[in-house]
Amino acid sequence: MKVAITAQGKDPAAAMDPRFGRCQYFVIADTEKSTFEAVANDNLAAGGGAGVATAQALVNRGVEVVLTGNVGPNALRVLQGAGVKVYSTTAPTVQAALQQWQAGGATPLSQATVGSHFGMGRGGNRW
């Protein structure tokens, strides 16, 4: 199973990034092969639609689970529409988030945790 974790760095020891669409990296763990792959988020600096584009990129990579701090409504809709399960976690690192999820401690999300355009650094949605 492929699990994507929002990250500030490129390996399992990296700090979690609480943002979904504007995270720096995704560390994708393959739980069956016990491997990790770092993927830069090409949508980090997008003017708009970062969450949707990021969600679609993960769907295209065959991700089945996403671990993040926050996710907006449009990105969540894309992920759920593709059958991807999304969980919220406040774990400090990628590895800790994965372990928390594997132990059943991550919170499954059925609704967005932030509004649209969260993390853009403007107005009331300042990150």
N, C-alpha and C. Protein backbone atom coordinates (compact mmCIF):
# COMPACT_ATOMS: atom_id res chain seq x y z
N MET A 1 0.84 -1.18 0.00
CA MET A 1 0.00 0.00 0.00
C MET A 1 0.89 1.24 0.00
N LYS A 2 0.54 2.22 -0.83
CA LYS A 2 1.29 3.47 -0.89
C LYS A 2 0.64 4.52 0.02
N VAL A 3 1.46 5.05 0.93
CA VAL A 3 1.01 6.05 1.89
C VAL A 3 1.84 7.31 1.68
N ALA A 4 1.19 8.43 1.37
CA ALA A 4 1.88 9.70 1.17
C ALA A 4 1.79 10.53 2.44
N ILE A 5 2.95 11.00 2.91
CA ILE A 5 3.01 11.82 4.12
C ILE A 5 3.55 13.18 3.74
N THR A 6 2.86 14.26 4.12
CA THR A 6 3.33 15.60 3.84
C THR A 6 4.58 15.86 4.67
N ALA A 7 5.62 16.41 4.01
CA ALA A 7 6.91 16.53 4.69
C ALA A 7 7.64 17.82 4.34
N GLN A 8 8.54 18.21 5.24
CA GLN A 8 9.39 19.38 5.02
C GLN A 8 10.76 18.95 4.47
N GLY A 9 11.00 17.67 4.37
CA GLY A 9 12.26 17.15 3.87
C GLY A 9 12.04 15.89 3.06
N LYS A 10 13.14 15.23 2.71
CA LYS A 10 13.09 14.13 1.74
C LYS A 10 13.20 12.73 2.32
N ASP A 11 13.14 12.56 3.62
CA ASP A 11 13.31 11.21 4.16
C ASP A 11 12.40 10.99 5.37
N PRO A 12 12.31 9.77 5.86
CA PRO A 12 11.40 9.45 6.96
C PRO A 12 11.68 10.23 8.26
N ALA A 13 12.91 10.72 8.43
CA ALA A 13 13.24 11.50 9.63
C ALA A 13 12.83 12.96 9.50
N ALA A 14 12.37 13.37 8.33
CA ALA A 14 12.00 14.77 8.09
C ALA A 14 10.79 15.16 8.92
N ALA A 15 10.72 16.45 9.22
CA ALA A 15 9.56 16.98 9.94
C ALA A 15 8.32 16.90 9.05
N MET A 16 7.20 16.64 9.66
CA MET A 16 5.92 16.67 8.94
C MET A 16 5.64 18.10 8.51
N ASP A 17 5.01 18.28 7.38
CA ASP A 17 4.51 19.58 6.96
C ASP A 17 3.01 19.53 7.17
N PRO A 18 2.44 20.42 7.99
CA PRO A 18 1.00 20.34 8.27
C PRO A 18 0.11 20.74 7.11
N ARG A 19 0.70 21.30 6.05
CA ARG A 19 -0.08 21.72 4.88
C ARG A 19 -0.13 20.58 3.86
N PHE A 20 -1.23 20.46 3.17
CA PHE A 20 -1.33 19.45 2.12
C PHE A 20 -0.91 20.01 0.76
N GLY A 21 -1.70 20.88 0.19
CA GLY A 21 -1.45 21.36 -1.17
C GLY A 21 -0.18 22.15 -1.34
N ARG A 22 0.31 22.72 -0.26
CA ARG A 22 1.51 23.55 -0.34
C ARG A 22 2.66 23.00 0.52
N CYS A 23 2.63 21.72 0.77
CA CYS A 23 3.76 21.11 1.48
C CYS A 23 4.98 21.11 0.56
N GLN A 24 6.16 21.01 1.15
CA GLN A 24 7.38 21.02 0.35
C GLN A 24 7.58 19.70 -0.39
N TYR A 25 7.36 18.60 0.31
CA TYR A 25 7.58 17.27 -0.25
C TYR A 25 6.49 16.32 0.21
N PHE A 26 6.42 15.21 -0.48
CA PHE A 26 5.69 14.04 0.00
C PHE A 26 6.71 12.93 0.13
N VAL A 27 6.67 12.25 1.25
CA VAL A 27 7.45 11.03 1.37
C VAL A 27 6.42 9.92 1.20
N ILE A 28 6.60 9.12 0.16
CA ILE A 28 5.65 8.05 -0.14
C ILE A 28 6.24 6.74 0.37
N ALA A 29 5.55 6.16 1.33
CA ALA A 29 5.98 4.89 1.91
C ALA A 29 5.21 3.77 1.22
N ASP A 30 5.93 2.76 0.79
CA ASP A 30 5.29 1.55 0.27
C ASP A 30 5.35 0.54 1.41
N THR A 31 4.23 0.33 2.07
CA THR A 31 4.21 -0.51 3.28
C THR A 31 4.44 -1.99 2.98
N GLU A 32 4.21 -2.41 1.75
CA GLU A 32 4.44 -3.81 1.39
C GLU A 32 5.91 -4.08 1.10
N LYS A 33 6.59 -3.08 0.52
CA LYS A 33 8.01 -3.25 0.17
C LYS A 33 8.95 -2.64 1.21
N SER A 34 8.38 -1.92 2.17
CA SER A 34 9.16 -1.21 3.20
C SER A 34 10.17 -0.26 2.56
N THR A 35 9.70 0.52 1.57
CA THR A 35 10.54 1.50 0.91
C THR A 35 9.93 2.89 1.04
N PHE A 36 10.78 3.90 0.83
CA PHE A 36 10.34 5.29 0.88
C PHE A 36 10.83 6.00 -0.38
N GLU A 37 10.01 6.91 -0.90
CA GLU A 37 10.38 7.72 -2.06
C GLU A 37 9.99 9.16 -1.76
N ALA A 38 10.90 10.09 -1.94
CA ALA A 38 10.60 11.50 -1.75
C ALA A 38 10.19 12.11 -3.07
N VAL A 39 9.13 12.91 -3.05
CA VAL A 39 8.63 13.57 -4.25
C VAL A 39 8.43 15.05 -3.91
N ALA A 40 9.10 15.92 -4.66
CA ALA A 40 8.90 17.36 -4.48
C ALA A 40 7.49 17.73 -4.92
N ASN A 41 6.88 18.64 -4.19
CA ASN A 41 5.54 19.10 -4.55
C ASN A 41 5.67 20.23 -5.55
N ASP A 42 5.38 19.96 -6.80
CA ASP A 42 5.48 20.95 -7.87
C ASP A 42 4.46 22.08 -7.72
N ASN A 43 3.46 21.91 -6.86
CA ASN A 43 2.39 22.89 -6.71
C ASN A 43 2.59 23.82 -5.53
N LEU A 44 3.73 23.74 -4.89
CA LEU A 44 4.03 24.52 -3.70
C LEU A 44 3.77 26.01 -3.91
N ALA A 45 4.18 26.56 -5.02
CA ALA A 45 4.07 27.99 -5.27
C ALA A 45 2.95 28.36 -6.23
N ALA A 46 2.05 27.44 -6.48
CA ALA A 46 0.94 27.71 -7.42
C ALA A 46 0.11 28.89 -6.94
N GLY A 47 -0.37 29.68 -7.87
CA GLY A 47 -1.19 30.83 -7.52
C GLY A 47 -2.56 30.44 -7.00
N GLY A 48 -3.06 29.32 -7.41
CA GLY A 48 -4.36 28.82 -6.98
C GLY A 48 -4.51 27.38 -7.43
N GLY A 49 -5.37 26.66 -6.79
CA GLY A 49 -5.62 25.27 -7.17
C GLY A 49 -4.54 24.29 -6.76
N ALA A 50 -3.69 24.70 -5.82
CA ALA A 50 -2.58 23.82 -5.41
C ALA A 50 -3.09 22.51 -4.81
N GLY A 51 -4.11 22.59 -3.99
CA GLY A 51 -4.63 21.38 -3.35
C GLY A 51 -5.18 20.38 -4.34
N VAL A 52 -5.95 20.85 -5.28
CA VAL A 52 -6.54 19.97 -6.29
C VAL A 52 -5.46 19.35 -7.16
N ALA A 53 -4.51 20.16 -7.63
CA ALA A 53 -3.43 19.65 -8.47
C ALA A 53 -2.56 18.65 -7.71
N THR A 54 -2.29 18.94 -6.45
CA THR A 54 -1.49 18.04 -5.63
C THR A 54 -2.23 16.73 -5.40
N ALA A 55 -3.52 16.82 -5.11
CA ALA A 55 -4.33 15.62 -4.90
C ALA A 55 -4.32 14.74 -6.15
N GLN A 56 -4.50 15.35 -7.31
CA GLN A 56 -4.52 14.60 -8.57
C GLN A 56 -3.17 13.94 -8.83
N ALA A 57 -2.09 14.64 -8.51
CA ALA A 57 -0.75 14.07 -8.71
C ALA A 57 -0.56 12.82 -7.84
N LEU A 58 -1.07 12.85 -6.63
CA LEU A 58 -0.94 11.67 -5.76
C LEU A 58 -1.83 10.53 -6.24
N VAL A 59 -3.02 10.86 -6.72
CA VAL A 59 -3.90 9.84 -7.29
C VAL A 59 -3.20 9.18 -8.48
N ASN A 60 -2.56 9.98 -9.31
CA ASN A 60 -1.86 9.45 -10.48
C ASN A 60 -0.69 8.55 -10.10
N ARG A 61 -0.13 8.74 -8.92
CA ARG A 61 0.98 7.91 -8.44
C ARG A 61 0.49 6.64 -7.74
N GLY A 62 -0.82 6.46 -7.64
CA GLY A 62 -1.35 5.26 -7.02
C GLY A 62 -1.38 5.27 -5.51
N VAL A 63 -1.32 6.46 -4.92
CA VAL A 63 -1.38 6.58 -3.47
C VAL A 63 -2.77 6.16 -2.97
N GLU A 64 -2.79 5.41 -1.87
CA GLU A 64 -4.05 4.93 -1.31
C GLU A 64 -4.42 5.60 0.00
N VAL A 65 -3.42 6.18 0.68
CA VAL A 65 -3.62 6.85 1.96
C VAL A 65 -2.77 8.11 1.99
N VAL A 66 -3.32 9.19 2.55
CA VAL A 66 -2.57 10.43 2.76
C VAL A 66 -2.59 10.75 4.24
N LEU A 67 -1.40 11.08 4.78
CA LEU A 67 -1.27 11.53 6.16
C LEU A 67 -0.80 12.98 6.11
N THR A 68 -1.55 13.87 6.73
CA THR A 68 -1.24 15.30 6.70
C THR A 68 -1.78 15.96 7.96
N GLY A 69 -1.49 17.23 8.12
CA GLY A 69 -2.04 17.98 9.24
C GLY A 69 -3.40 18.56 8.86
N ASN A 70 -3.46 19.21 7.71
CA ASN A 70 -4.67 19.88 7.25
C ASN A 70 -4.88 19.64 5.77
N VAL A 71 -6.15 19.66 5.38
CA VAL A 71 -6.50 19.51 3.97
C VAL A 71 -7.76 20.33 3.71
N GLY A 72 -7.76 21.01 2.56
CA GLY A 72 -8.91 21.84 2.18
C GLY A 72 -10.01 21.04 1.51
N PRO A 73 -11.16 21.67 1.32
CA PRO A 73 -12.33 20.96 0.79
C PRO A 73 -12.17 20.45 -0.64
N ASN A 74 -11.55 21.21 -1.51
CA ASN A 74 -11.43 20.78 -2.91
C ASN A 74 -10.46 19.61 -3.04
N ALA A 75 -9.33 19.69 -2.35
CA ALA A 75 -8.36 18.59 -2.39
C ALA A 75 -8.97 17.34 -1.78
N LEU A 76 -9.67 17.48 -0.68
CA LEU A 76 -10.29 16.32 -0.03
C LEU A 76 -11.30 15.66 -0.96
N ARG A 77 -12.06 16.47 -1.66
CA ARG A 77 -13.06 15.94 -2.60
C ARG A 77 -12.39 15.11 -3.70
N VAL A 78 -11.28 15.59 -4.24
CA VAL A 78 -10.55 14.86 -5.28
C VAL A 78 -10.03 13.53 -4.72
N LEU A 79 -9.41 13.60 -3.55
CA LEU A 79 -8.85 12.38 -2.95
C LEU A 79 -9.94 11.36 -2.64
N GLN A 80 -10.99 11.80 -1.99
CA GLN A 80 -12.07 10.87 -1.64
C GLN A 80 -12.76 10.32 -2.89
N GLY A 81 -12.89 11.15 -3.91
CA GLY A 81 -13.51 10.70 -5.15
C GLY A 81 -12.72 9.58 -5.82
N ALA A 82 -11.41 9.56 -5.56
CA ALA A 82 -10.53 8.53 -6.13
C ALA A 82 -10.34 7.36 -5.16
N GLY A 83 -11.03 7.41 -4.03
CA GLY A 83 -10.93 6.31 -3.07
C GLY A 83 -9.72 6.38 -2.15
N VAL A 84 -9.04 7.53 -2.12
CA VAL A 84 -7.89 7.71 -1.24
C VAL A 84 -8.39 8.08 0.15
N LYS A 85 -7.88 7.40 1.16
CA LYS A 85 -8.26 7.69 2.54
C LYS A 85 -7.31 8.75 3.08
N VAL A 86 -7.87 9.75 3.77
CA VAL A 86 -7.08 10.86 4.28
C VAL A 86 -7.18 10.88 5.80
N TYR A 87 -6.01 11.03 6.44
CA TYR A 87 -5.93 11.05 7.90
C TYR A 87 -5.19 12.30 8.35
N SER A 88 -5.62 12.84 9.47
CA SER A 88 -4.94 13.98 10.07
C SER A 88 -4.04 13.48 11.20
N THR A 89 -2.86 14.10 11.30
CA THR A 89 -1.93 13.75 12.36
C THR A 89 -1.13 14.98 12.75
N THR A 90 -0.72 15.03 13.99
CA THR A 90 0.17 16.10 14.47
C THR A 90 1.53 15.52 14.82
N ALA A 91 1.84 14.36 14.29
CA ALA A 91 3.13 13.72 14.57
C ALA A 91 4.26 14.65 14.14
N PRO A 92 5.38 14.63 14.85
CA PRO A 92 6.47 15.55 14.53
C PRO A 92 7.27 15.18 13.27
N THR A 93 7.33 13.90 12.93
CA THR A 93 8.12 13.47 11.78
C THR A 93 7.30 12.56 10.87
N VAL A 94 7.83 12.36 9.67
CA VAL A 94 7.20 11.46 8.71
C VAL A 94 7.09 10.06 9.29
N GLN A 95 8.19 9.55 9.84
CA GLN A 95 8.21 8.19 10.41
C GLN A 95 7.20 8.06 11.55
N ALA A 96 7.14 9.07 12.42
CA ALA A 96 6.19 9.04 13.54
C ALA A 96 4.75 9.04 13.05
N ALA A 97 4.48 9.80 11.98
CA ALA A 97 3.13 9.83 11.40
C ALA A 97 2.75 8.47 10.86
N LEU A 98 3.68 7.84 10.15
CA LEU A 98 3.42 6.51 9.60
C LEU A 98 3.16 5.50 10.72
N GLN A 99 3.97 5.56 11.75
CA GLN A 99 3.80 4.64 12.88
C GLN A 99 2.47 4.90 13.60
N GLN A 100 2.11 6.17 13.75
CA GLN A 100 0.84 6.51 14.39
C GLN A 100 -0.32 5.95 13.58
N TRP A 101 -0.27 6.11 12.26
CA TRP A 101 -1.34 5.60 11.39
C TRP A 101 -1.40 4.07 11.46
N GLN A 102 -0.24 3.42 11.41
CA GLN A 102 -0.21 1.95 11.47
C GLN A 102 -0.77 1.43 12.79
N ALA A 103 -0.64 2.20 13.85
CA ALA A 103 -1.15 1.80 15.16
C ALA A 103 -2.62 2.20 15.36
N GLY A 104 -3.21 2.82 14.34
CA GLY A 104 -4.61 3.23 14.42
C GLY A 104 -4.82 4.55 15.14
N GLY A 105 -3.76 5.34 15.30
CA GLY A 105 -3.86 6.58 16.07
C GLY A 105 -4.10 7.84 15.26
N ALA A 106 -4.05 7.78 13.94
CA ALA A 106 -4.32 8.96 13.12
C ALA A 106 -5.84 9.13 12.97
N THR A 107 -6.27 10.36 12.80
CA THR A 107 -7.70 10.66 12.73
C THR A 107 -8.20 10.62 11.29
N PRO A 108 -9.13 9.72 10.96
CA PRO A 108 -9.67 9.70 9.60
C PRO A 108 -10.50 10.96 9.35
N LEU A 109 -10.36 11.54 8.17
CA LEU A 109 -11.08 12.77 7.85
C LEU A 109 -12.24 12.49 6.91
N SER A 110 -13.39 13.05 7.26
CA SER A 110 -14.55 12.98 6.38
C SER A 110 -14.92 14.37 5.89
N GLN A 111 -14.28 15.40 6.47
CA GLN A 111 -14.49 16.77 6.02
C GLN A 111 -13.18 17.55 6.11
N ALA A 112 -13.12 18.65 5.40
CA ALA A 112 -11.91 19.47 5.36
C ALA A 112 -11.60 20.03 6.75
N THR A 113 -10.32 20.25 7.00
CA THR A 113 -9.89 20.82 8.28
C THR A 113 -9.60 22.31 8.16
N VAL A 114 -9.46 22.81 6.93
CA VAL A 114 -9.24 24.23 6.67
C VAL A 114 -10.05 24.64 5.45
N GLY A 115 -10.19 25.95 5.26
CA GLY A 115 -10.91 26.46 4.10
C GLY A 115 -10.04 26.46 2.85
N SER A 116 -10.66 26.80 1.76
CA SER A 116 -9.93 26.93 0.49
C SER A 116 -8.85 27.99 0.63
N HIS A 117 -7.76 27.83 -0.08
CA HIS A 117 -6.65 28.78 -0.13
C HIS A 117 -5.85 28.88 1.16
N PHE A 118 -6.00 27.92 2.07
CA PHE A 118 -5.20 27.91 3.29
C PHE A 118 -3.73 27.75 2.92
N GLY A 119 -2.88 28.49 3.60
CA GLY A 119 -1.43 28.35 3.38
C GLY A 119 -0.89 29.25 2.30
N MET A 120 -1.73 30.09 1.70
CA MET A 120 -1.24 30.98 0.64
C MET A 120 -0.52 32.20 1.21
N GLY A 121 -0.68 32.45 2.51
CA GLY A 121 0.01 33.56 3.13
C GLY A 121 -0.65 34.91 2.90
N ARG A 122 -1.95 34.89 2.61
CA ARG A 122 -2.69 36.14 2.40
C ARG A 122 -3.91 36.17 3.29
N GLY A 123 -4.30 37.35 3.67
CA GLY A 123 -5.54 37.55 4.40
C GLY A 123 -5.62 36.72 5.66
N GLY A 124 -6.81 36.20 5.94
CA GLY A 124 -7.06 35.45 7.16
C GLY A 124 -6.53 34.02 7.11
N ASN A 125 -6.05 33.58 5.97
CA ASN A 125 -5.56 32.21 5.86
C ASN A 125 -4.04 32.14 5.94
N ARG A 126 -3.47 33.05 6.68
CA ARG A 126 -2.01 33.13 6.78
C ARG A 126 -1.43 31.88 7.41
N TRP A 127 -0.36 31.38 6.83
CA TRP A 127 0.32 30.19 7.39
C TRP A 127 1.45 30.60 8.20
